[in-house]
Amino acid sequence: TMAYMNRDDVAVCAADCRLMVFDRTKGV
């Protein structure tokens, strides 16, 4: 199931992967 489907403030990666994430993107 897709997590947070009804939230536009959350990004979801639906792929199996090794994922690099950042706590914020503003100004980067």
PDB file of all heavy atoms in Angstrom:
ATOM      1  N   THR A   1       0.847  -1.189   0.000  1.00  0.00           N
ATOM      2  CA  THR A   1       0.000   0.000   0.000  1.00  0.00           C
ATOM      3  C   THR A   1       0.884   1.242   0.000  1.00  0.00           C
ATOM      4  O   THR A   1       2.018   1.205   0.477  1.00  0.00           O
ATOM      5  CB  THR A   1      -0.930   0.025   1.224  1.00  0.00           C
ATOM      6  OG1 THR A   1      -0.130  -0.027   2.411  1.00  0.00           O
ATOM      7  CG2 THR A   1      -1.883  -1.160   1.203  1.00  0.00           C
ATOM      8  N   MET A   2       0.377   2.315  -0.543  1.00  0.00           N
ATOM      9  CA  MET A   2       1.120   3.564  -0.613  1.00  0.00           C
ATOM     10  C   MET A   2       0.886   4.348   0.677  1.00  0.00           C
ATOM     11  O   MET A   2      -0.256   4.684   1.001  1.00  0.00           O
ATOM     12  CB  MET A   2       0.660   4.377  -1.824  1.00  0.00           C
ATOM     13  CG  MET A   2       1.460   5.630  -2.049  1.00  0.00           C
ATOM     14  SD  MET A   2       3.141   5.327  -2.606  1.00  0.00           S
ATOM     15  CE  MET A   2       2.859   4.726  -4.241  1.00  0.00           C
ATOM     16  N   ALA A   3       1.937   4.630   1.389  1.00  0.00           N
ATOM     17  CA  ALA A   3       1.833   5.408   2.621  1.00  0.00           C
ATOM     18  C   ALA A   3       1.575   6.880   2.296  1.00  0.00           C
ATOM     19  O   ALA A   3       2.067   7.394   1.298  1.00  0.00           O
ATOM     20  CB  ALA A   3       3.123   5.274   3.424  1.00  0.00           C
ATOM     21  N   TYR A   4       0.799   7.506   3.121  1.00  0.00           N
ATOM     22  CA  TYR A   4       0.554   8.954   3.042  1.00  0.00           C
ATOM     23  C   TYR A   4      -0.031   9.396   1.701  1.00  0.00           C
ATOM     24  O   TYR A   4       0.272  10.474   1.213  1.00  0.00           O
ATOM     25  CB  TYR A   4       1.830   9.744   3.347  1.00  0.00           C
ATOM     26  CG  TYR A   4       2.459   9.383   4.663  1.00  0.00           C
ATOM     27  CD1 TYR A   4       3.643   8.660   4.719  1.00  0.00           C
ATOM     28  CD2 TYR A   4       1.852   9.754   5.858  1.00  0.00           C
ATOM     29  CE1 TYR A   4       4.217   8.317   5.936  1.00  0.00           C
ATOM     30  CE2 TYR A   4       2.422   9.415   7.077  1.00  0.00           C
ATOM     31  CZ  TYR A   4       3.598   8.705   7.102  1.00  0.00           C
ATOM     32  OH  TYR A   4       4.155   8.374   8.302  1.00  0.00           O
ATOM     33  N   MET A   5      -0.889   8.594   1.106  1.00  0.00           N
ATOM     34  CA  MET A   5      -1.470   8.931  -0.203  1.00  0.00           C
ATOM     35  C   MET A   5      -2.219  10.263  -0.206  1.00  0.00           C
ATOM     36  O   MET A   5      -2.238  10.950  -1.213  1.00  0.00           O
ATOM     37  CB  MET A   5      -2.425   7.826  -0.660  1.00  0.00           C
ATOM     38  CG  MET A   5      -1.735   6.752  -1.450  1.00  0.00           C
ATOM     39  SD  MET A   5      -2.880   5.491  -2.021  1.00  0.00           S
ATOM     40  CE  MET A   5      -3.681   6.309  -3.363  1.00  0.00           C
ATOM     41  N   ASN A   6      -2.805  10.613   0.908  1.00  0.00           N
ATOM     42  CA  ASN A   6      -3.630  11.823   0.963  1.00  0.00           C
ATOM     43  C   ASN A   6      -2.892  13.039   1.495  1.00  0.00           C
ATOM     44  O   ASN A   6      -3.515  14.049   1.808  1.00  0.00           O
ATOM     45  CB  ASN A   6      -4.885  11.552   1.802  1.00  0.00           C
ATOM     46  CG  ASN A   6      -5.729  10.446   1.192  1.00  0.00           C
ATOM     47  OD1 ASN A   6      -5.871  10.388  -0.025  1.00  0.00           O
ATOM     48  ND2 ASN A   6      -6.254   9.573   2.018  1.00  0.00           N
ATOM     49  N   ARG A   7      -1.582  12.971   1.591  1.00  0.00           N
ATOM     50  CA  ARG A   7      -0.804  14.109   2.103  1.00  0.00           C
ATOM     51  C   ARG A   7       0.113  14.626   1.014  1.00  0.00           C
ATOM     52  O   ARG A   7       0.941  13.898   0.495  1.00  0.00           O
ATOM     53  CB  ARG A   7       0.004  13.681   3.320  1.00  0.00           C
ATOM     54  CG  ARG A   7      -0.891  13.364   4.515  1.00  0.00           C
ATOM     55  CD  ARG A   7      -0.117  13.111   5.764  1.00  0.00           C
ATOM     56  NE  ARG A   7       0.794  14.189   6.079  1.00  0.00           N
ATOM     57  CZ  ARG A   7       1.659  14.124   7.083  1.00  0.00           C
ATOM     58  NH1 ARG A   7       1.717  13.057   7.853  1.00  0.00           N
ATOM     59  NH2 ARG A   7       2.478  15.132   7.311  1.00  0.00           N
ATOM     60  N   ASP A   8      -0.024  15.902   0.705  1.00  0.00           N
ATOM     61  CA  ASP A   8       0.840  16.487  -0.322  1.00  0.00           C
ATOM     62  C   ASP A   8       2.124  17.071   0.267  1.00  0.00           C
ATOM     63  O   ASP A   8       2.953  17.609  -0.458  1.00  0.00           O
ATOM     64  CB  ASP A   8       0.087  17.534  -1.146  1.00  0.00           C
ATOM     65  CG  ASP A   8      -0.417  18.704  -0.320  1.00  0.00           C
ATOM     66  OD1 ASP A   8      -0.167  18.744   0.903  1.00  0.00           O
ATOM     67  OD2 ASP A   8      -1.060  19.597  -0.903  1.00  0.00           O
ATOM     68  N   ASP A   9       2.317  16.950   1.574  1.00  0.00           N
ATOM     69  CA  ASP A   9       3.535  17.447   2.203  1.00  0.00           C
ATOM     70  C   ASP A   9       4.537  16.334   2.501  1.00  0.00           C
ATOM     71  O   ASP A   9       5.550  16.550   3.141  1.00  0.00           O
ATOM     72  CB  ASP A   9       3.207  18.209   3.490  1.00  0.00           C
ATOM     73  CG  ASP A   9       2.556  17.321   4.550  1.00  0.00           C
ATOM     74  OD1 ASP A   9       1.819  16.389   4.179  1.00  0.00           O
ATOM     75  OD2 ASP A   9       2.785  17.569   5.743  1.00  0.00           O
ATOM     76  N   VAL A  10       4.237  15.123   2.002  1.00  0.00           N
ATOM     77  CA  VAL A  10       5.108  13.977   2.231  1.00  0.00           C
ATOM     78  C   VAL A  10       5.475  13.359   0.891  1.00  0.00           C
ATOM     79  O   VAL A  10       4.603  13.070   0.079  1.00  0.00           O
ATOM     80  CB  VAL A  10       4.403  12.917   3.123  1.00  0.00           C
ATOM     81  CG1 VAL A  10       5.279  11.687   3.276  1.00  0.00           C
ATOM     82  CG2 VAL A  10       4.042  13.497   4.469  1.00  0.00           C
ATOM     83  N   ALA A  11       6.766  13.166   0.665  1.00  0.00           N
ATOM     84  CA  ALA A  11       7.227  12.492  -0.551  1.00  0.00           C
ATOM     85  C   ALA A  11       7.384  11.009  -0.249  1.00  0.00           C
ATOM     86  O   ALA A  11       7.879  10.634   0.814  1.00  0.00           O
ATOM     87  CB  ALA A  11       8.550  13.079  -1.015  1.00  0.00           C
ATOM     88  N   VAL A  12       6.943  10.182  -1.170  1.00  0.00           N
ATOM     89  CA  VAL A  12       7.020   8.733  -0.991  1.00  0.00           C
ATOM     90  C   VAL A  12       7.802   8.139  -2.149  1.00  0.00           C
ATOM     91  O   VAL A  12       7.554   8.451  -3.305  1.00  0.00           O
ATOM     92  CB  VAL A  12       5.600   8.116  -0.941  1.00  0.00           C
ATOM     93  CG1 VAL A  12       5.688   6.603  -0.837  1.00  0.00           C
ATOM     94  CG2 VAL A  12       4.808   8.687   0.225  1.00  0.00           C
ATOM     95  N   CYS A  13       8.769   7.282  -1.831  1.00  0.00           N
ATOM     96  CA  CYS A  13       9.517   6.561  -2.852  1.00  0.00           C
ATOM     97  C   CYS A  13       8.949   5.143  -2.913  1.00  0.00           C
ATOM     98  O   CYS A  13       9.090   4.375  -1.970  1.00  0.00           O
ATOM     99  CB  CYS A  13      10.998   6.535  -2.499  1.00  0.00           C
ATOM    100  SG  CYS A  13      11.965   5.608  -3.687  1.00  0.00           S
ATOM    101  N   ALA A  14       8.300   4.838  -4.012  1.00  0.00           N
ATOM    102  CA  ALA A  14       7.619   3.546  -4.126  1.00  0.00           C
ATOM    103  C   ALA A  14       8.518   2.440  -4.669  1.00  0.00           C
ATOM    104  O   ALA A  14       8.048   1.360  -4.964  1.00  0.00           O
ATOM    105  CB  ALA A  14       6.398   3.705  -5.026  1.00  0.00           C
ATOM    106  N   ALA A  15       9.774   2.684  -4.801  1.00  0.00           N
ATOM    107  CA  ALA A  15      10.687   1.686  -5.371  1.00  0.00           C
ATOM    108  C   ALA A  15      11.527   1.041  -4.281  1.00  0.00           C
ATOM    109  O   ALA A  15      11.790   1.636  -3.239  1.00  0.00           O
ATOM    110  CB  ALA A  15      11.604   2.357  -6.387  1.00  0.00           C
ATOM    111  N   ASP A  16      11.933  -0.199  -4.531  1.00  0.00           N
ATOM    112  CA  ASP A  16      12.945  -0.823  -3.684  1.00  0.00           C
ATOM    113  C   ASP A  16      14.258  -0.147  -4.036  1.00  0.00           C
ATOM    114  O   ASP A  16      14.624  -0.070  -5.207  1.00  0.00           O
ATOM    115  CB  ASP A  16      13.078  -2.313  -3.993  1.00  0.00           C
ATOM    116  CG  ASP A  16      11.863  -3.111  -3.601  1.00  0.00           C
ATOM    117  OD1 ASP A  16      11.168  -2.690  -2.667  1.00  0.00           O
ATOM    118  OD2 ASP A  16      11.614  -4.151  -4.220  1.00  0.00           O
ATOM    119  N   CYS A  17      14.948   0.354  -3.039  1.00  0.00           N
ATOM    120  CA  CYS A  17      16.187   1.054  -3.375  1.00  0.00           C
ATOM    121  C   CYS A  17      16.995   1.333  -2.121  1.00  0.00           C
ATOM    122  O   CYS A  17      16.532   1.146  -1.013  1.00  0.00           O
ATOM    123  CB  CYS A  17      15.869   2.364  -4.077  1.00  0.00           C
ATOM    124  SG  CYS A  17      14.958   3.539  -3.049  1.00  0.00           S
ATOM    125  N   ARG A  18      18.165   1.790  -2.348  1.00  0.00           N
ATOM    126  CA  ARG A  18      18.956   2.407  -1.293  1.00  0.00           C
ATOM    127  C   ARG A  18      18.740   3.893  -1.503  1.00  0.00           C
ATOM    128  O   ARG A  18      19.037   4.417  -2.570  1.00  0.00           O
ATOM    129  CB  ARG A  18      20.418   2.038  -1.416  1.00  0.00           C
ATOM    130  CG  ARG A  18      20.622   0.576  -1.160  1.00  0.00           C
ATOM    131  CD  ARG A  18      22.069   0.215  -1.181  1.00  0.00           C
ATOM    132  NE  ARG A  18      22.156  -1.228  -0.930  1.00  0.00           N
ATOM    133  CZ  ARG A  18      23.276  -1.896  -0.959  1.00  0.00           C
ATOM    134  NH1 ARG A  18      24.397  -1.280  -1.223  1.00  0.00           N
ATOM    135  NH2 ARG A  18      23.285  -3.174  -0.724  1.00  0.00           N
ATOM    136  N   LEU A  19      18.207   4.541  -0.515  1.00  0.00           N
ATOM    137  CA  LEU A  19      17.731   5.897  -0.676  1.00  0.00           C
ATOM    138  C   LEU A  19      18.512   6.867   0.189  1.00  0.00           C
ATOM    139  O   LEU A  19      18.755   6.603   1.361  1.00  0.00           O
ATOM    140  CB  LEU A  19      16.241   5.941  -0.306  1.00  0.00           C
ATOM    141  CG  LEU A  19      15.499   7.244  -0.420  1.00  0.00           C
ATOM    142  CD1 LEU A  19      15.421   7.691  -1.879  1.00  0.00           C
ATOM    143  CD2 LEU A  19      14.105   7.093   0.152  1.00  0.00           C
ATOM    144  N   MET A  20      18.922   7.979  -0.392  1.00  0.00           N
ATOM    145  CA  MET A  20      19.560   9.038   0.357  1.00  0.00           C
ATOM    146  C   MET A  20      18.500  10.111   0.600  1.00  0.00           C
ATOM    147  O   MET A  20      17.804  10.508  -0.327  1.00  0.00           O
ATOM    148  CB  MET A  20      20.725   9.655  -0.423  1.00  0.00           C
ATOM    149  CG  MET A  20      21.428  10.752   0.352  1.00  0.00           C
ATOM    150  SD  MET A  20      22.675  11.646  -0.602  1.00  0.00           S
ATOM    151  CE  MET A  20      23.676  10.346  -1.239  1.00  0.00           C
ATOM    152  N   VAL A  21      18.335  10.519   1.843  1.00  0.00           N
ATOM    153  CA  VAL A  21      17.329  11.522   2.159  1.00  0.00           C
ATOM    154  C   VAL A  21      17.960  12.684   2.907  1.00  0.00           C
ATOM    155  O   VAL A  21      19.017  12.554   3.512  1.00  0.00           O
ATOM    156  CB  VAL A  21      16.176  10.925   3.009  1.00  0.00           C
ATOM    157  CG1 VAL A  21      15.434   9.863   2.237  1.00  0.00           C
ATOM    158  CG2 VAL A  21      16.694  10.365   4.308  1.00  0.00           C
ATOM    159  N   PHE A  22      17.282  13.807   2.846  1.00  0.00           N
ATOM    160  CA  PHE A  22      17.724  15.011   3.536  1.00  0.00           C
ATOM    161  C   PHE A  22      16.587  15.494   4.421  1.00  0.00           C
ATOM    162  O   PHE A  22      15.421  15.364   4.053  1.00  0.00           O
ATOM    163  CB  PHE A  22      18.101  16.098   2.517  1.00  0.00           C
ATOM    164  CG  PHE A  22      19.191  15.668   1.590  1.00  0.00           C
ATOM    165  CD1 PHE A  22      18.882  15.059   0.380  1.00  0.00           C
ATOM    166  CD2 PHE A  22      20.520  15.828   1.932  1.00  0.00           C
ATOM    167  CE1 PHE A  22      19.887  14.644  -0.482  1.00  0.00           C
ATOM    168  CE2 PHE A  22      21.528  15.418   1.084  1.00  0.00           C
ATOM    169  CZ  PHE A  22      21.214  14.825  -0.124  1.00  0.00           C
ATOM    170  N   ASP A  23      16.911  16.059   5.567  1.00  0.00           N
ATOM    171  CA  ASP A  23      15.852  16.509   6.461  1.00  0.00           C
ATOM    172  C   ASP A  23      15.152  17.762   5.958  1.00  0.00           C
ATOM    173  O   ASP A  23      14.053  18.082   6.376  1.00  0.00           O
ATOM    174  CB  ASP A  23      16.371  16.712   7.887  1.00  0.00           C
ATOM    175  CG  ASP A  23      17.459  17.764   7.987  1.00  0.00           C
ATOM    176  OD1 ASP A  23      17.963  18.216   6.949  1.00  0.00           O
ATOM    177  OD2 ASP A  23      17.799  18.139   9.119  1.00  0.00           O
ATOM    178  N   ARG A  24      15.767  18.494   5.021  1.00  0.00           N
ATOM    179  CA  ARG A  24      15.107  19.646   4.417  1.00  0.00           C
ATOM    180  C   ARG A  24      15.729  19.916   3.054  1.00  0.00           C
ATOM    181  O   ARG A  24      16.872  19.516   2.791  1.00  0.00           O
ATOM    182  CB  ARG A  24      15.214  20.869   5.312  1.00  0.00           C
ATOM    183  CG  ARG A  24      16.613  21.442   5.488  1.00  0.00           C
ATOM    184  CD  ARG A  24      16.603  22.613   6.455  1.00  0.00           C
ATOM    185  NE  ARG A  24      16.738  22.166   7.817  1.00  0.00           N
ATOM    186  CZ  ARG A  24      17.899  22.089   8.464  1.00  0.00           C
ATOM    187  NH1 ARG A  24      18.995  22.469   7.882  1.00  0.00           N
ATOM    188  NH2 ARG A  24      17.969  21.653   9.680  1.00  0.00           N
ATOM    189  N   THR A  25      14.976  20.562   2.200  1.00  0.00           N
ATOM    190  CA  THR A  25      15.485  20.891   0.881  1.00  0.00           C
ATOM    191  C   THR A  25      15.462  22.388   0.603  1.00  0.00           C
ATOM    192  O   THR A  25      16.061  22.850  -0.333  1.00  0.00           O
ATOM    193  CB  THR A  25      14.668  20.197  -0.226  1.00  0.00           C
ATOM    194  OG1 THR A  25      13.311  20.586  -0.104  1.00  0.00           O
ATOM    195  CG2 THR A  25      14.808  18.702  -0.141  1.00  0.00           C
ATOM    196  N   LYS A  26      14.757  23.135   1.434  1.00  0.00           N
ATOM    197  CA  LYS A  26      14.646  24.574   1.223  1.00  0.00           C
ATOM    198  C   LYS A  26      16.028  25.219   1.221  1.00  0.00           C
ATOM    199  O   LYS A  26      16.825  25.017   2.139  1.00  0.00           O
ATOM    200  CB  LYS A  26      13.774  25.202   2.291  1.00  0.00           C
ATOM    201  CG  LYS A  26      13.463  26.644   2.035  1.00  0.00           C
ATOM    202  CD  LYS A  26      12.494  27.191   3.076  1.00  0.00           C
ATOM    203  CE  LYS A  26      12.163  28.623   2.733  1.00  0.00           C
ATOM    204  NZ  LYS A  26      11.186  29.170   3.647  1.00  0.00           N
ATOM    205  N   GLY A  27      16.306  25.964   0.176  1.00  0.00           N
ATOM    206  CA  GLY A  27      17.563  26.680   0.086  1.00  0.00           C
ATOM    207  C   GLY A  27      18.733  25.849  -0.392  1.00  0.00           C
ATOM    208  O   GLY A  27      19.840  26.316  -0.469  1.00  0.00           O
ATOM    209  N   VAL A  28      18.506  24.585  -0.746  1.00  0.00           N
ATOM    210  CA  VAL A  28      19.569  23.723  -1.245  1.00  0.00           C
ATOM    211  C   VAL A  28      19.400  23.582  -2.751  1.00  0.00           C
ATOM    212  O   VAL A  28      18.511  22.911  -3.229  1.00  0.00           O
ATOM    213  CB  VAL A  28      19.518  22.330  -0.569  1.00  0.00           C
ATOM    214  CG1 VAL A  28      20.634  21.440  -1.121  1.00  0.00           C
ATOM    215  CG2 VAL A  28      19.618  22.454   0.926  1.00  0.00           C
TER     216      VAL A  28
END
